[in-house]
Amino acid sequence: MQGIVITTLLALGIAVLTVVLMGPLVIPFLTKLKVGQSIREDGPQRHLRKAGTPTMGGIMIATAIMVATFILAGNSGEAVAAVAVMLAFGAVGFWDDYIKVVLKRSLGLRAREKLGLQLLIGLAFGLLLLYYFQRGTTVILPFLGLEWDLGIAYIPFVILVLIATSNTVNLTDGLDGLATGVTFIVALGFALVCLMTSHYQLAVFCGALAGGCLGFLFFNRYPARVFMGDTGSMALGGAVAAVAALTHSELFLLLLGGVYVLEGLSVIAQVISFQTTGRRVLLMAPLHHHFELKGWSEKKVVRVFWILSLAFVILGLWGYRNIG
């Protein structure tokens, strides 16, 4: 156990170093390409000054995670599968970013195109779980330590987990350092889950995931010098969801990724309320923008959400107490 913990920390360190070394090369390159972030005019007005900040920086995160994982856990089928899911979702995000910031088509991929690609990735991963990893169709119920057999509904369930997580991480990526810091905390939580459930090589991947986020935070913290874009947020969401599925922890993701859940629910509630009553339940969705419009500084919102994420991770890990 001590050896795998050291290896996991080493993966974190390698990923941090990779991102930090890539930053001075990649950020000027993205700036030169003029792949600047566009800012929605109906959002908080202080965000308008961020227009033109280079985006698609998620390339650095994904590269660092892949490098650290392949160096230290390249012989692990689970770790390679997690990397593959991360890269597949990252590729969808990259394509979306490319259309928006390079081809200057503001809407990017059409919703049905993006959803279709995500469905295909989820289907392929679900089949891989069942027929290659022999993972079975059960999920673990938090706090109870009981297994729930989903049967034929398992693959649709995995697809839902992947799509929901990738898109809620995308929603969370709305403030400098917010999604990066939250995912760093979530990745550390899942590293502990992997150690608790004997998925040791997958713990190394989680270490790399945490390190990629921590390294990127050096450039993405307020005031951000680069944004991850859909390239990064969708890759991170796919990575987290893949780890949850590989460790039978899909339902624990609702706890460990509680901030993602709140951000997603805030958008759903806002849309339903406005369409049914004509009124908004929040000043603005996702949730972090509501607190900005309440007068909180961007740095305060990010710090509070980081603390909230840590609380959710602790709650999720507590939910393992009756397992095994």
C-alpha atoms as a PDB file:
ATOM      1  CA  MET A   1       0.000   0.000   0.000  1.00  0.00           C
ATOM      2  CA  GLN A   2       2.768   2.458   0.869  1.00  0.00           C
ATOM      3  CA  GLY A   3       4.374   1.876  -2.509  1.00  0.00           C
ATOM      4  CA  ILE A   4       1.216   2.653  -4.468  1.00  0.00           C
ATOM      5  CA  VAL A   5       0.593   5.788  -2.399  1.00  0.00           C
ATOM      6  CA  ILE A   6       4.095   7.000  -3.274  1.00  0.00           C
ATOM      7  CA  THR A   7       3.512   6.159  -6.941  1.00  0.00           C
ATOM      8  CA  THR A   8       0.207   8.046  -6.885  1.00  0.00           C
ATOM      9  CA  LEU A   9       1.926  11.099  -5.405  1.00  0.00           C
ATOM     10  CA  LEU A  10       4.679  10.765  -7.986  1.00  0.00           C
ATOM     11  CA  ALA A  11       2.064  10.767 -10.750  1.00  0.00           C
ATOM     12  CA  LEU A  12       0.631  13.937  -9.240  1.00  0.00           C
ATOM     13  CA  GLY A  13       4.097  15.533  -9.248  1.00  0.00           C
ATOM     14  CA  ILE A  14       4.869  14.509 -12.836  1.00  0.00           C
ATOM     15  CA  ALA A  15       1.544  15.909 -14.037  1.00  0.00           C
ATOM     16  CA  VAL A  16       2.092  19.200 -12.197  1.00  0.00           C
ATOM     17  CA  LEU A  17       5.579  19.544 -13.663  1.00  0.00           C
ATOM     18  CA  THR A  18       4.362  18.713 -17.172  1.00  0.00           C
ATOM     19  CA  VAL A  19       1.677  21.406 -17.121  1.00  0.00           C
ATOM     20  CA  VAL A  20       3.996  24.009 -15.591  1.00  0.00           C
ATOM     21  CA  LEU A  21       6.623  23.337 -18.256  1.00  0.00           C
ATOM     22  CA  MET A  22       4.060  23.378 -21.065  1.00  0.00           C
ATOM     23  CA  GLY A  23       2.424  26.641 -19.991  1.00  0.00           C
ATOM     24  CA  PRO A  24       5.122  29.092 -21.176  1.00  0.00           C
ATOM     25  CA  LEU A  25       5.100  27.372 -24.568  1.00  0.00           C
ATOM     26  CA  VAL A  26       1.421  26.644 -25.104  1.00  0.00           C
ATOM     27  CA  ILE A  27      -0.161  29.847 -23.770  1.00  0.00           C
ATOM     28  CA  PRO A  28       1.811  32.188 -26.107  1.00  0.00           C
ATOM     29  CA  PHE A  29       1.045  29.790 -28.976  1.00  0.00           C
ATOM     30  CA  LEU A  30      -2.692  29.936 -28.243  1.00  0.00           C
ATOM     31  CA  THR A  31      -2.449  33.723 -27.938  1.00  0.00           C
ATOM     32  CA  LYS A  32      -0.712  33.907 -31.309  1.00  0.00           C
ATOM     33  CA  LEU A  33      -3.457  31.799 -32.871  1.00  0.00           C
ATOM     34  CA  LYS A  34      -5.965  34.280 -31.421  1.00  0.00           C
ATOM     35  CA  VAL A  35      -8.080  31.539 -29.890  1.00  0.00           C
ATOM     36  CA  GLY A  36      -9.528  33.931 -27.348  1.00  0.00           C
ATOM     37  CA  GLN A  37     -12.505  33.245 -25.112  1.00  0.00           C
ATOM     38  CA  SER A  38     -15.749  35.002 -26.021  1.00  0.00           C
ATOM     39  CA  ILE A  39     -17.803  36.302 -23.103  1.00  0.00           C
ATOM     40  CA  ARG A  40     -21.614  36.247 -22.994  1.00  0.00           C
ATOM     41  CA  GLU A  41     -22.941  39.801 -22.816  1.00  0.00           C
ATOM     42  CA  ASP A  42     -25.802  38.867 -20.498  1.00  0.00           C
ATOM     43  CA  GLY A  43     -23.397  37.578 -17.855  1.00  0.00           C
ATOM     44  CA  PRO A  44     -21.729  39.492 -15.006  1.00  0.00           C
ATOM     45  CA  GLN A  45     -20.328  42.673 -16.514  1.00  0.00           C
ATOM     46  CA  ARG A  46     -16.925  42.296 -14.865  1.00  0.00           C
ATOM     47  CA  HIS A  47     -16.384  39.174 -16.967  1.00  0.00           C
ATOM     48  CA  LEU A  48     -16.260  41.251 -20.146  1.00  0.00           C
ATOM     49  CA  ARG A  49     -12.636  42.145 -19.444  1.00  0.00           C
ATOM     50  CA  LYS A  50     -11.765  38.455 -19.818  1.00  0.00           C
ATOM     51  CA  ALA A  51     -12.645  38.512 -23.505  1.00  0.00           C
ATOM     52  CA  GLY A  52      -9.679  37.431 -25.609  1.00  0.00           C
ATOM     53  CA  THR A  53      -8.007  35.358 -22.866  1.00  0.00           C
ATOM     54  CA  PRO A  54      -6.665  32.269 -24.663  1.00  0.00           C
ATOM     55  CA  THR A  55      -8.747  29.144 -24.285  1.00  0.00           C
ATOM     56  CA  MET A  56      -8.344  25.441 -25.175  1.00  0.00           C
ATOM     57  CA  GLY A  57      -5.721  25.195 -22.410  1.00  0.00           C
ATOM     58  CA  GLY A  58      -7.237  21.856 -21.490  1.00  0.00           C
ATOM     59  CA  ILE A  59      -4.750  20.413 -23.970  1.00  0.00           C
ATOM     60  CA  MET A  60      -2.110  20.884 -21.282  1.00  0.00           C
ATOM     61  CA  ILE A  61      -4.149  19.107 -18.619  1.00  0.00           C
ATOM     62  CA  ALA A  62      -4.976  16.107 -20.806  1.00  0.00           C
ATOM     63  CA  THR A  63      -1.374  15.797 -22.003  1.00  0.00           C
ATOM     64  CA  ALA A  64      -0.007  15.899 -18.462  1.00  0.00           C
ATOM     65  CA  ILE A  65      -2.470  13.279 -17.225  1.00  0.00           C
ATOM     66  CA  MET A  66      -1.690  11.010 -20.152  1.00  0.00           C
ATOM     67  CA  VAL A  67       2.092  11.350 -19.724  1.00  0.00           C
ATOM     68  CA  ALA A  68       2.056  10.685 -15.974  1.00  0.00           C
ATOM     69  CA  THR A  69      -0.349   7.758 -16.314  1.00  0.00           C
ATOM     70  CA  PHE A  70       1.548   6.028 -19.109  1.00  0.00           C
ATOM     71  CA  ILE A  71       4.868   6.433 -17.317  1.00  0.00           C
ATOM     72  CA  LEU A  72       3.641   4.937 -14.056  1.00  0.00           C
ATOM     73  CA  ALA A  73       0.555   2.833 -14.920  1.00  0.00           C
ATOM     74  CA  GLY A  74       0.769   2.184 -18.626  1.00  0.00           C
ATOM     75  CA  ASN A  75       0.396  -1.565 -18.108  1.00  0.00           C
ATOM     76  CA  SER A  76      -2.992  -1.182 -16.427  1.00  0.00           C
ATOM     77  CA  GLY A  77      -6.075  -1.773 -18.531  1.00  0.00           C
ATOM     78  CA  GLU A  78      -8.226   0.304 -16.196  1.00  0.00           C
ATOM     79  CA  ALA A  79      -5.878   3.282 -16.261  1.00  0.00           C
ATOM     80  CA  VAL A  80      -5.580   3.128 -20.056  1.00  0.00           C
ATOM     81  CA  ALA A  81      -9.372   2.914 -20.377  1.00  0.00           C
ATOM     82  CA  ALA A  82      -9.770   5.997 -18.167  1.00  0.00           C
ATOM     83  CA  VAL A  83      -7.237   7.879 -20.307  1.00  0.00           C
ATOM     84  CA  ALA A  84      -9.098   6.808 -23.461  1.00  0.00           C
ATOM     85  CA  VAL A  85     -12.439   8.087 -22.146  1.00  0.00           C
ATOM     86  CA  MET A  86     -10.797  11.340 -21.071  1.00  0.00           C
ATOM     87  CA  LEU A  87      -9.246  11.849 -24.516  1.00  0.00           C
ATOM     88  CA  ALA A  88     -12.464  10.943 -26.314  1.00  0.00           C
ATOM     89  CA  PHE A  89     -14.513  13.491 -24.388  1.00  0.00           C
ATOM     90  CA  GLY A  90     -11.653  15.979 -24.673  1.00  0.00           C
ATOM     91  CA  ALA A  91     -11.685  15.518 -28.447  1.00  0.00           C
ATOM     92  CA  VAL A  92     -15.395  16.378 -28.575  1.00  0.00           C
ATOM     93  CA  GLY A  93     -14.677  19.479 -26.500  1.00  0.00           C
ATOM     94  CA  PHE A  94     -11.695  20.364 -28.697  1.00  0.00           C
ATOM     95  CA  TRP A  95     -13.842  20.133 -31.812  1.00  0.00           C
ATOM     96  CA  ASP A  96     -16.452  22.363 -30.182  1.00  0.00           C
ATOM     97  CA  ASP A  97     -13.796  24.901 -29.146  1.00  0.00           C
ATOM     98  CA  TYR A  98     -12.191  24.815 -32.596  1.00  0.00           C
ATOM     99  CA  ILE A  99     -15.474  25.627 -34.306  1.00  0.00           C
ATOM    100  CA  LYS A 100     -16.186  28.469 -31.883  1.00  0.00           C
ATOM    101  CA  VAL A 101     -12.809  30.170 -31.531  1.00  0.00           C
ATOM    102  CA  VAL A 102     -10.944  29.252 -34.718  1.00  0.00           C
ATOM    103  CA  LEU A 103     -13.729  29.009 -37.297  1.00  0.00           C
ATOM    104  CA  LYS A 104     -15.585  31.810 -35.449  1.00  0.00           C
ATOM    105  CA  ARG A 105     -18.940  29.999 -35.388  1.00  0.00           C
ATOM    106  CA  SER A 106     -20.280  31.112 -32.015  1.00  0.00           C
ATOM    107  CA  LEU A 107     -22.570  28.134 -31.384  1.00  0.00           C
ATOM    108  CA  GLY A 108     -19.882  25.484 -31.898  1.00  0.00           C
ATOM    109  CA  LEU A 109     -21.122  21.928 -32.300  1.00  0.00           C
ATOM    110  CA  ARG A 110     -24.872  21.569 -32.558  1.00  0.00           C
ATOM    111  CA  ALA A 111     -26.429  20.095 -29.427  1.00  0.00           C
ATOM    112  CA  ARG A 112     -27.511  16.930 -31.237  1.00  0.00           C
ATOM    113  CA  GLU A 113     -24.021  16.474 -32.686  1.00  0.00           C
ATOM    114  CA  LYS A 114     -22.364  16.821 -29.303  1.00  0.00           C
ATOM    115  CA  LEU A 115     -24.903  14.558 -27.626  1.00  0.00           C
ATOM    116  CA  GLY A 116     -24.572  11.966 -30.380  1.00  0.00           C
ATOM    117  CA  LEU A 117     -20.811  11.786 -29.973  1.00  0.00           C
ATOM    118  CA  GLN A 118     -21.113  11.548 -26.198  1.00  0.00           C
ATOM    119  CA  LEU A 119     -23.650   8.736 -26.582  1.00  0.00           C
ATOM    120  CA  LEU A 120     -21.286   6.788 -28.802  1.00  0.00           C
ATOM    121  CA  ILE A 121     -18.399   7.176 -26.350  1.00  0.00           C
ATOM    122  CA  GLY A 122     -20.621   6.156 -23.461  1.00  0.00           C
ATOM    123  CA  LEU A 123     -21.917   3.114 -25.338  1.00  0.00           C
ATOM    124  CA  ALA A 124     -18.412   1.974 -26.239  1.00  0.00           C
ATOM    125  CA  PHE A 125     -17.230   2.415 -22.650  1.00  0.00           C
ATOM    126  CA  GLY A 126     -20.256   0.622 -21.234  1.00  0.00           C
ATOM    127  CA  LEU A 127     -19.648  -2.364 -23.499  1.00  0.00           C
ATOM    128  CA  LEU A 128     -15.956  -2.323 -22.534  1.00  0.00           C
ATOM    129  CA  LEU A 129     -16.893  -2.422 -18.849  1.00  0.00           C
ATOM    130  CA  LEU A 130     -19.203  -5.393 -19.303  1.00  0.00           C
ATOM    131  CA  TYR A 131     -17.351  -7.550 -21.802  1.00  0.00           C
ATOM    132  CA  TYR A 132     -13.668  -6.709 -21.280  1.00  0.00           C
ATOM    133  CA  PHE A 133     -13.458  -5.818 -17.607  1.00  0.00           C
ATOM    134  CA  GLN A 134     -16.313  -8.190 -16.642  1.00  0.00           C
ATOM    135  CA  ARG A 135     -17.477  -5.441 -14.333  1.00  0.00           C
ATOM    136  CA  GLY A 136     -21.041  -6.695 -13.937  1.00  0.00           C
ATOM    137  CA  THR A 137     -24.199  -4.606 -13.796  1.00  0.00           C
ATOM    138  CA  THR A 138     -24.336  -3.699 -10.116  1.00  0.00           C
ATOM    139  CA  VAL A 139     -23.765  -0.349  -8.460  1.00  0.00           C
ATOM    140  CA  ILE A 140     -23.034   0.254  -4.787  1.00  0.00           C
ATOM    141  CA  LEU A 141     -25.471   2.215  -2.643  1.00  0.00           C
ATOM    142  CA  PRO A 142     -23.671   4.847  -0.533  1.00  0.00           C
ATOM    143  CA  PHE A 143     -23.802   4.443   3.262  1.00  0.00           C
ATOM    144  CA  LEU A 144     -25.671   1.126   3.002  1.00  0.00           C
ATOM    145  CA  GLY A 145     -22.934  -1.006   1.485  1.00  0.00           C
ATOM    146  CA  LEU A 146     -25.559  -2.807  -0.595  1.00  0.00           C
ATOM    147  CA  GLU A 147     -25.399  -3.619  -4.299  1.00  0.00           C
ATOM    148  CA  TRP A 148     -28.168  -2.751  -6.745  1.00  0.00           C
ATOM    149  CA  ASP A 149     -28.268  -4.806  -9.929  1.00  0.00           C
ATOM    150  CA  LEU A 150     -29.399  -2.636 -12.841  1.00  0.00           C
ATOM    151  CA  GLY A 151     -29.410  -5.480 -15.352  1.00  0.00           C
ATOM    152  CA  ILE A 152     -29.998  -4.313 -18.934  1.00  0.00           C
ATOM    153  CA  ALA A 153     -30.360  -0.723 -17.715  1.00  0.00           C
ATOM    154  CA  TYR A 154     -26.693  -0.601 -16.724  1.00  0.00           C
ATOM    155  CA  ILE A 155     -25.273   0.583 -20.057  1.00  0.00           C
ATOM    156  CA  PRO A 156     -27.835   3.420 -20.402  1.00  0.00           C
ATOM    157  CA  PHE A 157     -26.985   4.305 -16.805  1.00  0.00           C
ATOM    158  CA  VAL A 158     -23.241   4.511 -17.584  1.00  0.00           C
ATOM    159  CA  ILE A 159     -23.977   6.645 -20.631  1.00  0.00           C
ATOM    160  CA  LEU A 160     -26.033   8.994 -18.437  1.00  0.00           C
ATOM    161  CA  VAL A 161     -23.243   9.212 -15.851  1.00  0.00           C
ATOM    162  CA  LEU A 162     -20.645  10.094 -18.492  1.00  0.00           C
ATOM    163  CA  ILE A 163     -22.789  12.680 -20.252  1.00  0.00           C
ATOM    164  CA  ALA A 164     -24.066  14.277 -17.045  1.00  0.00           C
ATOM    165  CA  THR A 165     -20.612  14.530 -15.488  1.00  0.00           C
ATOM    166  CA  SER A 166     -18.883  15.946 -18.563  1.00  0.00           C
ATOM    167  CA  ASN A 167     -21.571  18.574 -19.021  1.00  0.00           C
ATOM    168  CA  THR A 168     -21.827  19.590 -15.363  1.00  0.00           C
ATOM    169  CA  VAL A 169     -18.046  20.012 -15.157  1.00  0.00           C
ATOM    170  CA  ASN A 170     -18.427  22.196 -18.245  1.00  0.00           C
ATOM    171  CA  LEU A 171     -21.056  24.270 -16.425  1.00  0.00           C
ATOM    172  CA  THR A 172     -18.787  24.556 -13.379  1.00  0.00           C
ATOM    173  CA  ASP A 173     -16.005  26.017 -15.530  1.00  0.00           C
ATOM    174  CA  GLY A 174     -17.294  29.580 -15.352  1.00  0.00           C
ATOM    175  CA  LEU A 175     -14.884  31.344 -12.981  1.00  0.00           C
ATOM    176  CA  ASP A 176     -11.101  31.517 -12.791  1.00  0.00           C
ATOM    177  CA  GLY A 177      -9.857  28.380 -11.072  1.00  0.00           C
ATOM    178  CA  LEU A 178     -13.319  27.087 -10.136  1.00  0.00           C
ATOM    179  CA  ALA A 179     -13.589  23.846 -12.121  1.00  0.00           C
ATOM    180  CA  THR A 180      -9.839  23.309 -11.874  1.00  0.00           C
ATOM    181  CA  GLY A 181      -9.780  23.501  -8.084  1.00  0.00           C
ATOM    182  CA  VAL A 182     -12.992  21.541  -7.582  1.00  0.00           C
ATOM    183  CA  THR A 183     -11.783  18.735  -9.858  1.00  0.00           C
ATOM    184  CA  PHE A 184      -8.417  18.653  -8.061  1.00  0.00           C
ATOM    185  CA  ILE A 185     -10.287  17.959  -4.817  1.00  0.00           C
ATOM    186  CA  VAL A 186     -12.610  15.422  -6.453  1.00  0.00           C
ATOM    187  CA  ALA A 187      -9.643  13.621  -8.033  1.00  0.00           C
ATOM    188  CA  LEU A 188      -7.929  13.296  -4.656  1.00  0.00           C
ATOM    189  CA  GLY A 189     -11.160  11.912  -3.243  1.00  0.00           C
ATOM    190  CA  PHE A 190     -11.375   9.306  -5.982  1.00  0.00           C
ATOM    191  CA  ALA A 191      -7.719   8.422  -5.479  1.00  0.00           C
ATOM    192  CA  LEU A 192      -8.666   7.448  -1.924  1.00  0.00           C
ATOM    193  CA  VAL A 193     -11.671   5.529  -3.252  1.00  0.00           C
ATOM    194  CA  CYS A 194      -9.364   3.598  -5.583  1.00  0.00           C
ATOM    195  CA  LEU A 195      -7.034   2.762  -2.709  1.00  0.00           C
ATOM    196  CA  MET A 196      -9.953   1.673  -0.530  1.00  0.00           C
ATOM    197  CA  THR A 197     -11.307  -0.593  -3.274  1.00  0.00           C
ATOM    198  CA  SER A 198      -7.918  -2.004  -4.380  1.00  0.00           C
ATOM    199  CA  HIS A 199      -7.947  -0.311  -7.803  1.00  0.00           C
ATOM    200  CA  TYR A 200      -4.337   0.629  -7.285  1.00  0.00           C
ATOM    201  CA  GLN A 201      -3.291   1.540 -10.838  1.00  0.00           C
ATOM    202  CA  LEU A 202      -6.438   3.597 -11.231  1.00  0.00           C
ATOM    203  CA  ALA A 203      -5.333   5.497  -8.115  1.00  0.00           C
ATOM    204  CA  VAL A 204      -2.231   6.470 -10.081  1.00  0.00           C
ATOM    205  CA  PHE A 205      -4.476   7.870 -12.822  1.00  0.00           C
ATOM    206  CA  CYS A 206      -6.372   9.860 -10.191  1.00  0.00           C
ATOM    207  CA  GLY A 207      -3.061  11.209  -8.904  1.00  0.00           C
ATOM    208  CA  ALA A 208      -2.219  12.325 -12.433  1.00  0.00           C
ATOM    209  CA  LEU A 209      -5.691  13.851 -12.775  1.00  0.00           C
ATOM    210  CA  ALA A 210      -5.215  15.819  -9.561  1.00  0.00           C
ATOM    211  CA  GLY A 211      -1.739  16.896 -10.654  1.00  0.00           C
ATOM    212  CA  GLY A 212      -2.938  18.072 -14.055  1.00  0.00           C
ATOM    213  CA  CYS A 213      -5.539  20.256 -12.373  1.00  0.00           C
ATOM    214  CA  LEU A 214      -3.103  21.582  -9.764  1.00  0.00           C
ATOM    215  CA  GLY A 215      -0.520  22.462 -12.400  1.00  0.00           C
ATOM    216  CA  PHE A 216      -3.119  24.189 -14.556  1.00  0.00           C
ATOM    217  CA  LEU A 217      -4.330  26.150 -11.548  1.00  0.00           C
ATOM    218  CA  PHE A 218      -0.974  27.937 -11.618  1.00  0.00           C
ATOM    219  CA  PHE A 219      -2.088  29.608 -14.865  1.00  0.00           C
ATOM    220  CA  ASN A 220      -5.867  29.467 -14.385  1.00  0.00           C
ATOM    221  CA  ARG A 221      -6.217  31.003 -10.922  1.00  0.00           C
ATOM    222  CA  TYR A 222      -7.537  34.564 -10.696  1.00  0.00           C
ATOM    223  CA  PRO A 223      -6.762  36.477 -12.853  1.00  0.00           C
ATOM    224  CA  ALA A 224      -6.574  33.616 -15.333  1.00  0.00           C
ATOM    225  CA  ARG A 225      -3.942  33.666 -18.055  1.00  0.00           C
ATOM    226  CA  VAL A 226      -5.626  30.797 -19.878  1.00  0.00           C
ATOM    227  CA  PHE A 227      -8.931  28.939 -19.793  1.00  0.00           C
ATOM    228  CA  MET A 228      -9.327  25.186 -20.217  1.00  0.00           C
ATOM    229  CA  GLY A 229     -12.261  25.530 -22.623  1.00  0.00           C
ATOM    230  CA  ASP A 230     -14.579  22.668 -23.475  1.00  0.00           C
ATOM    231  CA  THR A 231     -11.408  20.784 -24.372  1.00  0.00           C
ATOM    232  CA  GLY A 232     -10.485  20.621 -20.707  1.00  0.00           C
ATOM    233  CA  SER A 233     -13.845  20.595 -18.942  1.00  0.00           C
ATOM    234  CA  MET A 234     -15.261  17.743 -20.997  1.00  0.00           C
ATOM    235  CA  ALA A 235     -12.019  15.770 -20.668  1.00  0.00           C
ATOM    236  CA  LEU A 236     -12.066  16.190 -16.886  1.00  0.00           C
ATOM    237  CA  GLY A 237     -15.714  15.211 -16.676  1.00  0.00           C
ATOM    238  CA  GLY A 238     -15.102  12.111 -18.752  1.00  0.00           C
ATOM    239  CA  ALA A 239     -12.104  11.186 -16.599  1.00  0.00           C
ATOM    240  CA  VAL A 240     -13.975  11.519 -13.302  1.00  0.00           C
ATOM    241  CA  ALA A 241     -16.987   9.574 -14.611  1.00  0.00           C
ATOM    242  CA  ALA A 242     -14.762   6.801 -15.973  1.00  0.00           C
ATOM    243  CA  VAL A 243     -13.086   6.349 -12.593  1.00  0.00           C
ATOM    244  CA  ALA A 244     -16.479   6.235 -10.873  1.00  0.00           C
ATOM    245  CA  ALA A 245     -17.714   3.513 -13.246  1.00  0.00           C
ATOM    246  CA  LEU A 246     -14.540   1.445 -13.034  1.00  0.00           C
ATOM    247  CA  THR A 247     -14.701   1.431  -9.224  1.00  0.00           C
ATOM    248  CA  HIS A 248     -18.477   0.737  -8.931  1.00  0.00           C
ATOM    249  CA  SER A 249     -18.767   4.250  -7.457  1.00  0.00           C
ATOM    250  CA  GLU A 250     -21.208   5.841  -9.888  1.00  0.00           C
ATOM    251  CA  LEU A 251     -23.683   6.778  -7.147  1.00  0.00           C
ATOM    252  CA  PHE A 252     -20.876   8.077  -4.933  1.00  0.00           C
ATOM    253  CA  LEU A 253     -20.164  10.572  -7.709  1.00  0.00           C
ATOM    254  CA  LEU A 254     -23.335  12.371  -6.627  1.00  0.00           C
ATOM    255  CA  LEU A 255     -21.552  13.021  -3.310  1.00  0.00           C
ATOM    256  CA  LEU A 256     -17.896  13.442  -4.236  1.00  0.00           C
ATOM    257  CA  GLY A 257     -18.911  15.575  -7.212  1.00  0.00           C
ATOM    258  CA  GLY A 258     -21.580  17.423  -5.267  1.00  0.00           C
ATOM    259  CA  VAL A 259     -20.548  20.825  -6.620  1.00  0.00           C
ATOM    260  CA  TYR A 260     -21.041  19.548 -10.176  1.00  0.00           C
ATOM    261  CA  VAL A 261     -24.491  18.306  -9.152  1.00  0.00           C
ATOM    262  CA  LEU A 262     -25.469  21.665  -7.660  1.00  0.00           C
ATOM    263  CA  GLU A 263     -24.301  23.532 -10.750  1.00  0.00           C
ATOM    264  CA  GLY A 264     -26.273  21.226 -13.024  1.00  0.00           C
ATOM    265  CA  LEU A 265     -29.415  21.311 -10.905  1.00  0.00           C
ATOM    266  CA  SER A 266     -29.276  25.097 -10.740  1.00  0.00           C
ATOM    267  CA  VAL A 267     -29.478  25.303 -14.528  1.00  0.00           C
ATOM    268  CA  ILE A 268     -32.298  22.744 -14.697  1.00  0.00           C
ATOM    269  CA  ALA A 269     -34.273  24.560 -11.994  1.00  0.00           C
ATOM    270  CA  GLN A 270     -33.752  27.914 -13.704  1.00  0.00           C
ATOM    271  CA  VAL A 271     -34.973  26.640 -17.064  1.00  0.00           C
ATOM    272  CA  ILE A 272     -37.993  24.787 -15.664  1.00  0.00           C
ATOM    273  CA  SER A 273     -39.036  27.717 -13.497  1.00  0.00           C
ATOM    274  CA  PHE A 274     -38.755  30.254 -16.312  1.00  0.00           C
ATOM    275  CA  GLN A 275     -40.580  28.067 -18.827  1.00  0.00           C
ATOM    276  CA  THR A 276     -43.431  27.198 -16.455  1.00  0.00           C
ATOM    277  CA  THR A 277     -43.881  30.396 -14.445  1.00  0.00           C
ATOM    278  CA  GLY A 278     -41.923  33.049 -16.332  1.00  0.00           C
ATOM    279  CA  ARG A 279     -39.827  33.638 -13.217  1.00  0.00           C
ATOM    280  CA  ARG A 280     -36.214  32.802 -12.415  1.00  0.00           C
ATOM    281  CA  VAL A 281     -35.306  31.098  -9.152  1.00  0.00           C
ATOM    282  CA  LEU A 282     -31.748  32.449  -9.349  1.00  0.00           C
ATOM    283  CA  LEU A 283     -30.369  35.792 -10.429  1.00  0.00           C
ATOM    284  CA  MET A 284     -28.394  33.834 -13.006  1.00  0.00           C
ATOM    285  CA  ALA A 285     -27.462  30.219 -13.636  1.00  0.00           C
ATOM    286  CA  PRO A 286     -25.210  28.290 -13.163  1.00  0.00           C
ATOM    287  CA  LEU A 287     -25.149  28.732  -9.403  1.00  0.00           C
ATOM    288  CA  HIS A 288     -21.738  30.453  -9.158  1.00  0.00           C
ATOM    289  CA  HIS A 289     -23.042  33.380 -11.231  1.00  0.00           C
ATOM    290  CA  HIS A 290     -25.957  33.822  -8.825  1.00  0.00           C
ATOM    291  CA  PHE A 291     -23.555  34.538  -5.987  1.00  0.00           C
ATOM    292  CA  GLU A 292     -21.521  36.883  -8.166  1.00  0.00           C
ATOM    293  CA  LEU A 293     -24.644  38.919  -8.886  1.00  0.00           C
ATOM    294  CA  LYS A 294     -25.364  38.870  -5.154  1.00  0.00           C
ATOM    295  CA  GLY A 295     -22.183  40.893  -4.766  1.00  0.00           C
ATOM    296  CA  TRP A 296     -19.610  38.240  -3.933  1.00  0.00           C
ATOM    297  CA  SER A 297     -16.186  38.690  -5.463  1.00  0.00           C
ATOM    298  CA  GLU A 298     -15.078  36.068  -7.952  1.00  0.00           C
ATOM    299  CA  LYS A 299     -12.304  34.936  -5.612  1.00  0.00           C
ATOM    300  CA  LYS A 300     -14.768  34.523  -2.733  1.00  0.00           C
ATOM    301  CA  VAL A 301     -17.154  32.414  -4.820  1.00  0.00           C
ATOM    302  CA  VAL A 302     -14.295  30.154  -5.911  1.00  0.00           C
ATOM    303  CA  ARG A 303     -12.955  29.724  -2.369  1.00  0.00           C
ATOM    304  CA  VAL A 304     -16.401  28.910  -0.974  1.00  0.00           C
ATOM    305  CA  PHE A 305     -17.052  26.376  -3.726  1.00  0.00           C
ATOM    306  CA  TRP A 306     -13.661  24.746  -3.118  1.00  0.00           C
ATOM    307  CA  ILE A 307     -14.522  24.378   0.576  1.00  0.00           C
ATOM    308  CA  LEU A 308     -17.952  23.046  -0.357  1.00  0.00           C
ATOM    309  CA  SER A 309     -16.319  20.522  -2.694  1.00  0.00           C
ATOM    310  CA  LEU A 310     -14.030  19.352   0.093  1.00  0.00           C
ATOM    311  CA  ALA A 311     -17.066  18.873   2.350  1.00  0.00           C
ATOM    312  CA  PHE A 312     -18.811  16.832  -0.345  1.00  0.00           C
ATOM    313  CA  VAL A 313     -15.727  14.653  -0.838  1.00  0.00           C
ATOM    314  CA  ILE A 314     -15.510  13.981   2.903  1.00  0.00           C
ATOM    315  CA  LEU A 315     -19.216  13.072   2.896  1.00  0.00           C
ATOM    316  CA  GLY A 316     -18.694  10.740  -0.056  1.00  0.00           C
ATOM    317  CA  LEU A 317     -15.756   8.992   1.587  1.00  0.00           C
ATOM    318  CA  TRP A 318     -17.798   8.647   4.768  1.00  0.00           C
ATOM    319  CA  GLY A 319     -20.374   6.839   2.662  1.00  0.00           C
ATOM    320  CA  TYR A 320     -17.870   4.025   2.211  1.00  0.00           C
ATOM    321  CA  ARG A 321     -17.796   3.201   5.903  1.00  0.00           C
ATOM    322  CA  ASN A 322     -20.148   0.208   5.614  1.00  0.00           C
ATOM    323  CA  ILE A 323     -18.584  -1.210   2.453  1.00  0.00           C
ATOM    324  CA  GLY A 324     -16.476  -4.358   2.500  1.00  0.00           C
END
